[in-house]
Amino acid sequence: MVWLWQNLELVLGLALDHARLSVAPVLVSFIASIPLGWLANQSRVLRTILLTLGGVLFTIPSIALFVTLPVILGTRILDEINVVVALSIYAVAVMVRGSADAFASVSKDVIGSSTAVGYSRWGRFWGVELPLAGPVLLASLRVVSVTTVSLLSVGSLIGVTTLGYLFLDGYQRSFPTEVVIGIAFTVIIALIFDAVLVTIGRILMPYTRALPTSSRASVTRVAAEVTS
């Protein structure tokens, strides 16, 4: 604790940089995964292609991706944009499957009923499918958020300032206290991100408070309320 108080400004600065760099990949994954997940449910072939591509992208070693992106993007190897783009690729790769599962979880009976009462294709998407897919989308986004915060630490290996610096410095100096503090603050950021996402979910999806996740009947009931 003595080391933490003596270096509090450094640790808080690293934590703020870590949180700042984590935001963009999470947002990009959410925005990109919605149309991709919806498309994946329109065709079995598309679903197979998109989910397979997502799986392949996620298997690319992070260090290799960090080193390769500057060549592709024309950036310097120490630019933060390389890490942001790399983590966005990983985040989208994970989120696409969650998005596809989210839209697949919407009852076909509900979709048929909304069409029967006069919803257009886009009206049905915004008014029925997306709201009902919301809980699964949120659950997937929470996983992506934690994964992104964790993976960002690797960026310190190429000189990007994050909490990963504490891991490297502590390891090189054989000073485990610094490593533990780095881990602790990484976990704290992940928990804060998760709490923010849960709060946003409760605000945007108040109907999920009374929605048992394993109950198909409840999904149908909520869908009826949305379409009415």
C-alpha atoms as a PDB file:
ATOM      1  CA  MET A   1       0.000   0.000   0.000  1.00  0.00           C
ATOM      2  CA  VAL A   2       2.912   2.342   0.661  1.00  0.00           C
ATOM      3  CA  TRP A   3       4.085   1.987  -2.945  1.00  0.00           C
ATOM      4  CA  LEU A   4       0.548   2.694  -4.197  1.00  0.00           C
ATOM      5  CA  TRP A   5       0.246   5.944  -2.238  1.00  0.00           C
ATOM      6  CA  GLN A   6       3.686   7.034  -3.356  1.00  0.00           C
ATOM      7  CA  ASN A   7       2.822   6.340  -7.003  1.00  0.00           C
ATOM      8  CA  LEU A   8      -0.898   7.081  -6.945  1.00  0.00           C
ATOM      9  CA  GLU A   9      -0.706   9.706  -9.705  1.00  0.00           C
ATOM     10  CA  LEU A  10       1.060   7.252 -12.017  1.00  0.00           C
ATOM     11  CA  VAL A  11      -1.399   4.438 -11.314  1.00  0.00           C
ATOM     12  CA  LEU A  12      -4.476   6.643 -11.760  1.00  0.00           C
ATOM     13  CA  GLY A  13      -3.055   8.055 -14.995  1.00  0.00           C
ATOM     14  CA  LEU A  14      -2.482   4.553 -16.350  1.00  0.00           C
ATOM     15  CA  ALA A  15      -5.970   3.514 -15.227  1.00  0.00           C
ATOM     16  CA  LEU A  16      -7.580   6.473 -17.036  1.00  0.00           C
ATOM     17  CA  ASP A  17      -5.648   5.690 -20.220  1.00  0.00           C
ATOM     18  CA  HIS A  18      -6.645   2.043 -19.896  1.00  0.00           C
ATOM     19  CA  ALA A  19     -10.328   2.928 -19.516  1.00  0.00           C
ATOM     20  CA  ARG A  20     -10.215   5.481 -22.354  1.00  0.00           C
ATOM     21  CA  LEU A  21      -8.701   3.026 -24.817  1.00  0.00           C
ATOM     22  CA  SER A  22     -11.199   0.324 -23.828  1.00  0.00           C
ATOM     23  CA  VAL A  23     -14.299   2.349 -24.692  1.00  0.00           C
ATOM     24  CA  ALA A  24     -13.941   2.502 -28.486  1.00  0.00           C
ATOM     25  CA  PRO A  25     -13.629  -1.281 -29.135  1.00  0.00           C
ATOM     26  CA  VAL A  26     -16.692  -1.970 -26.976  1.00  0.00           C
ATOM     27  CA  LEU A  27     -18.785   0.617 -28.825  1.00  0.00           C
ATOM     28  CA  VAL A  28     -17.536  -0.509 -32.249  1.00  0.00           C
ATOM     29  CA  SER A  29     -18.330  -4.141 -31.475  1.00  0.00           C
ATOM     30  CA  PHE A  30     -21.870  -3.288 -30.417  1.00  0.00           C
ATOM     31  CA  ILE A  31     -22.626  -1.095 -33.432  1.00  0.00           C
ATOM     32  CA  ALA A  32     -21.059  -3.473 -35.953  1.00  0.00           C
ATOM     33  CA  SER A  33     -22.496  -6.673 -34.489  1.00  0.00           C
ATOM     34  CA  ILE A  34     -26.159  -5.648 -34.703  1.00  0.00           C
ATOM     35  CA  PRO A  35     -26.450  -5.681 -38.524  1.00  0.00           C
ATOM     36  CA  LEU A  36     -24.060  -8.630 -38.764  1.00  0.00           C
ATOM     37  CA  GLY A  37     -25.990 -10.648 -36.179  1.00  0.00           C
ATOM     38  CA  TRP A  38     -29.275  -9.831 -37.884  1.00  0.00           C
ATOM     39  CA  LEU A  39     -27.878 -10.886 -41.272  1.00  0.00           C
ATOM     40  CA  ALA A  40     -26.583 -14.115 -39.760  1.00  0.00           C
ATOM     41  CA  ASN A  41     -30.162 -15.081 -38.965  1.00  0.00           C
ATOM     42  CA  GLN A  42     -31.441 -14.448 -42.482  1.00  0.00           C
ATOM     43  CA  SER A  43     -29.502 -17.315 -44.036  1.00  0.00           C
ATOM     44  CA  ARG A  44     -27.842 -20.456 -42.736  1.00  0.00           C
ATOM     45  CA  VAL A  45     -24.974 -19.914 -45.186  1.00  0.00           C
ATOM     46  CA  LEU A  46     -24.434 -16.341 -43.996  1.00  0.00           C
ATOM     47  CA  ARG A  47     -24.528 -17.474 -40.380  1.00  0.00           C
ATOM     48  CA  THR A  48     -21.882 -20.113 -41.028  1.00  0.00           C
ATOM     49  CA  ILE A  49     -19.639 -17.669 -42.900  1.00  0.00           C
ATOM     50  CA  LEU A  50     -19.910 -14.854 -40.349  1.00  0.00           C
ATOM     51  CA  LEU A  51     -19.462 -17.038 -37.270  1.00  0.00           C
ATOM     52  CA  THR A  52     -16.553 -18.913 -38.831  1.00  0.00           C
ATOM     53  CA  LEU A  53     -14.889 -15.645 -39.815  1.00  0.00           C
ATOM     54  CA  GLY A  54     -15.379 -14.317 -36.294  1.00  0.00           C
ATOM     55  CA  GLY A  55     -13.812 -17.451 -34.829  1.00  0.00           C
ATOM     56  CA  VAL A  56     -10.820 -17.192 -37.156  1.00  0.00           C
ATOM     57  CA  LEU A  57     -10.241 -13.514 -36.342  1.00  0.00           C
ATOM     58  CA  PHE A  58     -10.292 -14.204 -32.610  1.00  0.00           C
ATOM     59  CA  THR A  59      -7.571 -16.852 -32.951  1.00  0.00           C
ATOM     60  CA  ILE A  60      -5.046 -14.363 -34.376  1.00  0.00           C
ATOM     61  CA  PRO A  61      -2.316 -13.815 -31.744  1.00  0.00           C
ATOM     62  CA  SER A  62      -2.604 -10.311 -30.304  1.00  0.00           C
ATOM     63  CA  ILE A  63       1.103  -9.474 -30.585  1.00  0.00           C
ATOM     64  CA  ALA A  64       1.156 -10.513 -34.238  1.00  0.00           C
ATOM     65  CA  LEU A  65      -1.870  -8.332 -34.917  1.00  0.00           C
ATOM     66  CA  PHE A  66      -0.396  -5.331 -33.076  1.00  0.00           C
ATOM     67  CA  VAL A  67       2.792  -5.593 -35.157  1.00  0.00           C
ATOM     68  CA  THR A  68       1.010  -6.184 -38.479  1.00  0.00           C
ATOM     69  CA  LEU A  69      -1.577  -3.396 -38.261  1.00  0.00           C
ATOM     70  CA  PRO A  70       0.917  -0.510 -38.617  1.00  0.00           C
ATOM     71  CA  VAL A  71       1.909  -1.932 -42.003  1.00  0.00           C
ATOM     72  CA  ILE A  72      -1.741  -2.216 -43.055  1.00  0.00           C
ATOM     73  CA  LEU A  73      -2.903   1.122 -41.628  1.00  0.00           C
ATOM     74  CA  GLY A  74       0.240   3.091 -42.394  1.00  0.00           C
ATOM     75  CA  THR A  75       0.625   4.120 -38.754  1.00  0.00           C
ATOM     76  CA  ARG A  76       3.596   4.066 -36.407  1.00  0.00           C
ATOM     77  CA  ILE A  77       3.993   0.982 -34.266  1.00  0.00           C
ATOM     78  CA  LEU A  78       3.577   3.021 -31.060  1.00  0.00           C
ATOM     79  CA  ASP A  79       0.314   4.706 -32.175  1.00  0.00           C
ATOM     80  CA  GLU A  80      -2.649   3.973 -29.924  1.00  0.00           C
ATOM     81  CA  ILE A  81      -4.881   3.460 -32.966  1.00  0.00           C
ATOM     82  CA  ASN A  82      -3.184   0.123 -33.643  1.00  0.00           C
ATOM     83  CA  VAL A  83      -4.293  -1.273 -30.295  1.00  0.00           C
ATOM     84  CA  VAL A  84      -7.787   0.199 -30.645  1.00  0.00           C
ATOM     85  CA  VAL A  85      -8.255  -1.344 -34.093  1.00  0.00           C
ATOM     86  CA  ALA A  86      -6.869  -4.705 -32.972  1.00  0.00           C
ATOM     87  CA  LEU A  87      -9.140  -4.857 -29.936  1.00  0.00           C
ATOM     88  CA  SER A  88     -12.088  -3.741 -32.070  1.00  0.00           C
ATOM     89  CA  ILE A  89     -11.452  -6.712 -34.373  1.00  0.00           C
ATOM     90  CA  TYR A  90     -11.387  -9.092 -31.416  1.00  0.00           C
ATOM     91  CA  ALA A  91     -14.468  -7.471 -29.878  1.00  0.00           C
ATOM     92  CA  VAL A  92     -16.488  -7.707 -33.097  1.00  0.00           C
ATOM     93  CA  ALA A  93     -15.365 -11.329 -33.549  1.00  0.00           C
ATOM     94  CA  VAL A  94     -16.783 -12.210 -30.118  1.00  0.00           C
ATOM     95  CA  MET A  95     -19.849  -9.996 -30.346  1.00  0.00           C
ATOM     96  CA  VAL A  96     -21.037 -11.310 -33.726  1.00  0.00           C
ATOM     97  CA  ARG A  97     -21.829 -14.716 -32.284  1.00  0.00           C
ATOM     98  CA  GLY A  98     -23.617 -13.172 -29.322  1.00  0.00           C
ATOM     99  CA  SER A  99     -25.606 -10.905 -31.641  1.00  0.00           C
ATOM    100  CA  ALA A 100     -26.564 -13.803 -33.890  1.00  0.00           C
ATOM    101  CA  ASP A 101     -27.729 -15.798 -30.863  1.00  0.00           C
ATOM    102  CA  ALA A 102     -29.623 -12.745 -29.578  1.00  0.00           C
ATOM    103  CA  PHE A 103     -31.701 -12.365 -32.741  1.00  0.00           C
ATOM    104  CA  ALA A 104     -32.141 -16.147 -32.963  1.00  0.00           C
ATOM    105  CA  SER A 105     -33.643 -16.080 -29.460  1.00  0.00           C
ATOM    106  CA  VAL A 106     -36.587 -13.963 -30.645  1.00  0.00           C
ATOM    107  CA  SER A 107     -39.604 -16.226 -31.061  1.00  0.00           C
ATOM    108  CA  LYS A 108     -40.674 -16.825 -34.665  1.00  0.00           C
ATOM    109  CA  ASP A 109     -44.281 -16.628 -33.458  1.00  0.00           C
ATOM    110  CA  VAL A 110     -43.671 -13.120 -32.180  1.00  0.00           C
ATOM    111  CA  ILE A 111     -42.071 -12.083 -35.475  1.00  0.00           C
ATOM    112  CA  GLY A 112     -45.028 -13.537 -37.358  1.00  0.00           C
ATOM    113  CA  SER A 113     -47.516 -11.793 -35.091  1.00  0.00           C
ATOM    114  CA  SER A 114     -45.818  -8.412 -35.483  1.00  0.00           C
ATOM    115  CA  THR A 115     -45.905  -8.806 -39.250  1.00  0.00           C
ATOM    116  CA  ALA A 116     -49.575  -9.725 -39.097  1.00  0.00           C
ATOM    117  CA  VAL A 117     -50.478  -6.558 -37.163  1.00  0.00           C
ATOM    118  CA  GLY A 118     -48.863  -4.379 -39.819  1.00  0.00           C
ATOM    119  CA  TYR A 119     -45.199  -3.909 -38.939  1.00  0.00           C
ATOM    120  CA  SER A 120     -42.912  -3.284 -41.910  1.00  0.00           C
ATOM    121  CA  ARG A 121     -39.613  -5.160 -42.050  1.00  0.00           C
ATOM    122  CA  TRP A 122     -37.650  -2.248 -40.606  1.00  0.00           C
ATOM    123  CA  GLY A 123     -40.398  -1.321 -38.199  1.00  0.00           C
ATOM    124  CA  ARG A 124     -40.412  -4.892 -36.931  1.00  0.00           C
ATOM    125  CA  PHE A 125     -36.627  -4.812 -36.509  1.00  0.00           C
ATOM    126  CA  TRP A 126     -36.597  -1.605 -34.454  1.00  0.00           C
ATOM    127  CA  GLY A 127     -39.853  -2.167 -32.593  1.00  0.00           C
ATOM    128  CA  VAL A 128     -39.810  -5.902 -31.933  1.00  0.00           C
ATOM    129  CA  GLU A 129     -36.653  -7.843 -32.816  1.00  0.00           C
ATOM    130  CA  LEU A 130     -34.041  -5.471 -31.407  1.00  0.00           C
ATOM    131  CA  PRO A 131     -35.838  -4.838 -28.088  1.00  0.00           C
ATOM    132  CA  LEU A 132     -36.370  -8.560 -27.513  1.00  0.00           C
ATOM    133  CA  ALA A 133     -32.814  -9.401 -28.535  1.00  0.00           C
ATOM    134  CA  GLY A 134     -31.597  -6.713 -26.124  1.00  0.00           C
ATOM    135  CA  PRO A 135     -31.045  -8.876 -23.018  1.00  0.00           C
ATOM    136  CA  VAL A 136     -28.845 -11.374 -24.886  1.00  0.00           C
ATOM    137  CA  LEU A 137     -27.035  -8.535 -26.654  1.00  0.00           C
ATOM    138  CA  LEU A 138     -26.323  -6.943 -23.292  1.00  0.00           C
ATOM    139  CA  ALA A 139     -25.018 -10.207 -21.853  1.00  0.00           C
ATOM    140  CA  SER A 140     -22.663 -10.613 -24.825  1.00  0.00           C
ATOM    141  CA  LEU A 141     -21.534  -6.996 -24.603  1.00  0.00           C
ATOM    142  CA  ARG A 142     -20.639  -7.478 -20.946  1.00  0.00           C
ATOM    143  CA  VAL A 143     -18.375 -10.382 -21.937  1.00  0.00           C
ATOM    144  CA  VAL A 144     -16.799  -8.265 -24.684  1.00  0.00           C
ATOM    145  CA  SER A 145     -16.250  -5.424 -22.216  1.00  0.00           C
ATOM    146  CA  VAL A 146     -14.369  -7.599 -19.727  1.00  0.00           C
ATOM    147  CA  THR A 147     -12.366  -9.258 -22.514  1.00  0.00           C
ATOM    148  CA  THR A 148     -11.368  -5.891 -23.986  1.00  0.00           C
ATOM    149  CA  VAL A 149     -10.243  -4.452 -20.651  1.00  0.00           C
ATOM    150  CA  SER A 150      -8.183  -7.571 -20.035  1.00  0.00           C
ATOM    151  CA  LEU A 151      -6.577  -7.777 -23.492  1.00  0.00           C
ATOM    152  CA  LEU A 152      -5.660  -4.106 -23.515  1.00  0.00           C
ATOM    153  CA  SER A 153      -2.898  -4.810 -21.017  1.00  0.00           C
ATOM    154  CA  VAL A 154      -0.997  -6.583 -23.786  1.00  0.00           C
ATOM    155  CA  GLY A 155      -0.666  -3.236 -25.563  1.00  0.00           C
ATOM    156  CA  SER A 156       2.109  -2.287 -23.142  1.00  0.00           C
ATOM    157  CA  LEU A 157       4.362  -4.811 -24.896  1.00  0.00           C
ATOM    158  CA  ILE A 158       4.497  -2.476 -27.908  1.00  0.00           C
ATOM    159  CA  GLY A 159       4.798   0.693 -25.849  1.00  0.00           C
ATOM    160  CA  VAL A 160       1.159   1.796 -25.525  1.00  0.00           C
ATOM    161  CA  THR A 161       0.520   3.258 -22.073  1.00  0.00           C
ATOM    162  CA  THR A 162      -1.923   1.092 -20.111  1.00  0.00           C
ATOM    163  CA  LEU A 163      -2.020  -0.712 -16.784  1.00  0.00           C
ATOM    164  CA  GLY A 164       0.019  -3.415 -18.485  1.00  0.00           C
ATOM    165  CA  TYR A 165       3.018  -1.180 -17.790  1.00  0.00           C
ATOM    166  CA  LEU A 166       2.735  -2.123 -14.122  1.00  0.00           C
ATOM    167  CA  PHE A 167       2.851  -5.812 -15.035  1.00  0.00           C
ATOM    168  CA  LEU A 168       6.005  -5.400 -17.123  1.00  0.00           C
ATOM    169  CA  ASP A 169       7.766  -3.058 -14.725  1.00  0.00           C
ATOM    170  CA  GLY A 170       6.893  -5.175 -11.710  1.00  0.00           C
ATOM    171  CA  TYR A 171       8.084  -8.335 -13.439  1.00  0.00           C
ATOM    172  CA  GLN A 172      11.356  -6.786 -14.612  1.00  0.00           C
ATOM    173  CA  ARG A 173      12.095  -5.456 -11.104  1.00  0.00           C
ATOM    174  CA  SER A 174      10.869  -8.630  -9.367  1.00  0.00           C
ATOM    175  CA  PHE A 175       8.392  -6.441  -7.485  1.00  0.00           C
ATOM    176  CA  PRO A 176       5.103  -8.389  -7.187  1.00  0.00           C
ATOM    177  CA  THR A 177       3.317  -5.530  -5.389  1.00  0.00           C
ATOM    178  CA  GLU A 178       3.303  -3.502  -8.604  1.00  0.00           C
ATOM    179  CA  VAL A 179       1.923  -6.461 -10.557  1.00  0.00           C
ATOM    180  CA  VAL A 180      -0.838  -7.031  -8.013  1.00  0.00           C
ATOM    181  CA  ILE A 181      -1.825  -3.350  -8.102  1.00  0.00           C
ATOM    182  CA  GLY A 182      -1.964  -3.485 -11.893  1.00  0.00           C
ATOM    183  CA  ILE A 183      -4.224  -6.527 -11.751  1.00  0.00           C
ATOM    184  CA  ALA A 184      -6.424  -4.949  -9.073  1.00  0.00           C
ATOM    185  CA  PHE A 185      -6.999  -1.756 -11.046  1.00  0.00           C
ATOM    186  CA  THR A 186      -7.675  -3.736 -14.232  1.00  0.00           C
ATOM    187  CA  VAL A 187     -10.362  -5.680 -12.375  1.00  0.00           C
ATOM    188  CA  ILE A 188     -11.806  -2.456 -10.957  1.00  0.00           C
ATOM    189  CA  ILE A 189     -12.099  -0.944 -14.443  1.00  0.00           C
ATOM    190  CA  ALA A 190     -13.752  -4.117 -15.733  1.00  0.00           C
ATOM    191  CA  LEU A 191     -16.263  -4.016 -12.858  1.00  0.00           C
ATOM    192  CA  ILE A 192     -17.010  -0.329 -13.500  1.00  0.00           C
ATOM    193  CA  PHE A 193     -17.604  -0.982 -17.194  1.00  0.00           C
ATOM    194  CA  ASP A 194     -19.872  -3.896 -16.327  1.00  0.00           C
ATOM    195  CA  ALA A 195     -21.854  -1.813 -13.828  1.00  0.00           C
ATOM    196  CA  VAL A 196     -22.298   0.959 -16.398  1.00  0.00           C
ATOM    197  CA  LEU A 197     -23.560  -1.504 -19.012  1.00  0.00           C
ATOM    198  CA  VAL A 198     -25.992  -3.091 -16.552  1.00  0.00           C
ATOM    199  CA  THR A 199     -27.308   0.337 -15.570  1.00  0.00           C
ATOM    200  CA  ILE A 200     -27.775   1.370 -19.199  1.00  0.00           C
ATOM    201  CA  GLY A 201     -29.523  -1.934 -19.860  1.00  0.00           C
ATOM    202  CA  ARG A 202     -31.973  -1.369 -17.007  1.00  0.00           C
ATOM    203  CA  ILE A 203     -32.745   2.122 -18.280  1.00  0.00           C
ATOM    204  CA  LEU A 204     -33.236   1.112 -21.912  1.00  0.00           C
ATOM    205  CA  MET A 205     -34.892  -2.239 -21.212  1.00  0.00           C
ATOM    206  CA  PRO A 206     -37.103  -1.841 -18.117  1.00  0.00           C
ATOM    207  CA  TYR A 207     -39.250  -4.744 -19.307  1.00  0.00           C
ATOM    208  CA  THR A 208     -36.407  -7.195 -18.576  1.00  0.00           C
ATOM    209  CA  ARG A 209     -36.735  -6.708 -14.821  1.00  0.00           C
ATOM    210  CA  ALA A 210     -39.671  -9.075 -14.779  1.00  0.00           C
ATOM    211  CA  LEU A 211     -38.363 -11.310 -17.569  1.00  0.00           C
ATOM    212  CA  PRO A 212     -37.065 -14.769 -16.543  1.00  0.00           C
ATOM    213  CA  THR A 213     -34.317 -15.565 -19.032  1.00  0.00           C
ATOM    214  CA  SER A 214     -35.332 -19.211 -19.359  1.00  0.00           C
ATOM    215  CA  SER A 215     -39.037 -18.594 -19.890  1.00  0.00           C
ATOM    216  CA  ARG A 216     -40.296 -18.600 -23.483  1.00  0.00           C
ATOM    217  CA  ALA A 217     -43.755 -17.659 -22.250  1.00  0.00           C
ATOM    218  CA  SER A 218     -42.393 -14.508 -20.661  1.00  0.00           C
ATOM    219  CA  VAL A 219     -40.628 -13.551 -23.868  1.00  0.00           C
ATOM    220  CA  THR A 220     -43.886 -13.899 -25.763  1.00  0.00           C
ATOM    221  CA  ARG A 221     -45.738 -11.827 -23.175  1.00  0.00           C
ATOM    222  CA  VAL A 222     -43.191  -9.019 -23.300  1.00  0.00           C
ATOM    223  CA  ALA A 223     -43.252  -9.100 -27.091  1.00  0.00           C
ATOM    224  CA  ALA A 224     -46.996  -8.643 -27.005  1.00  0.00           C
ATOM    225  CA  GLU A 225     -46.552  -5.553 -24.814  1.00  0.00           C
ATOM    226  CA  VAL A 226     -43.939  -4.133 -27.204  1.00  0.00           C
ATOM    227  CA  THR A 227     -46.074  -4.668 -30.305  1.00  0.00           C
ATOM    228  CA  SER A 228     -49.292  -3.336 -28.747  1.00  0.00           C
END
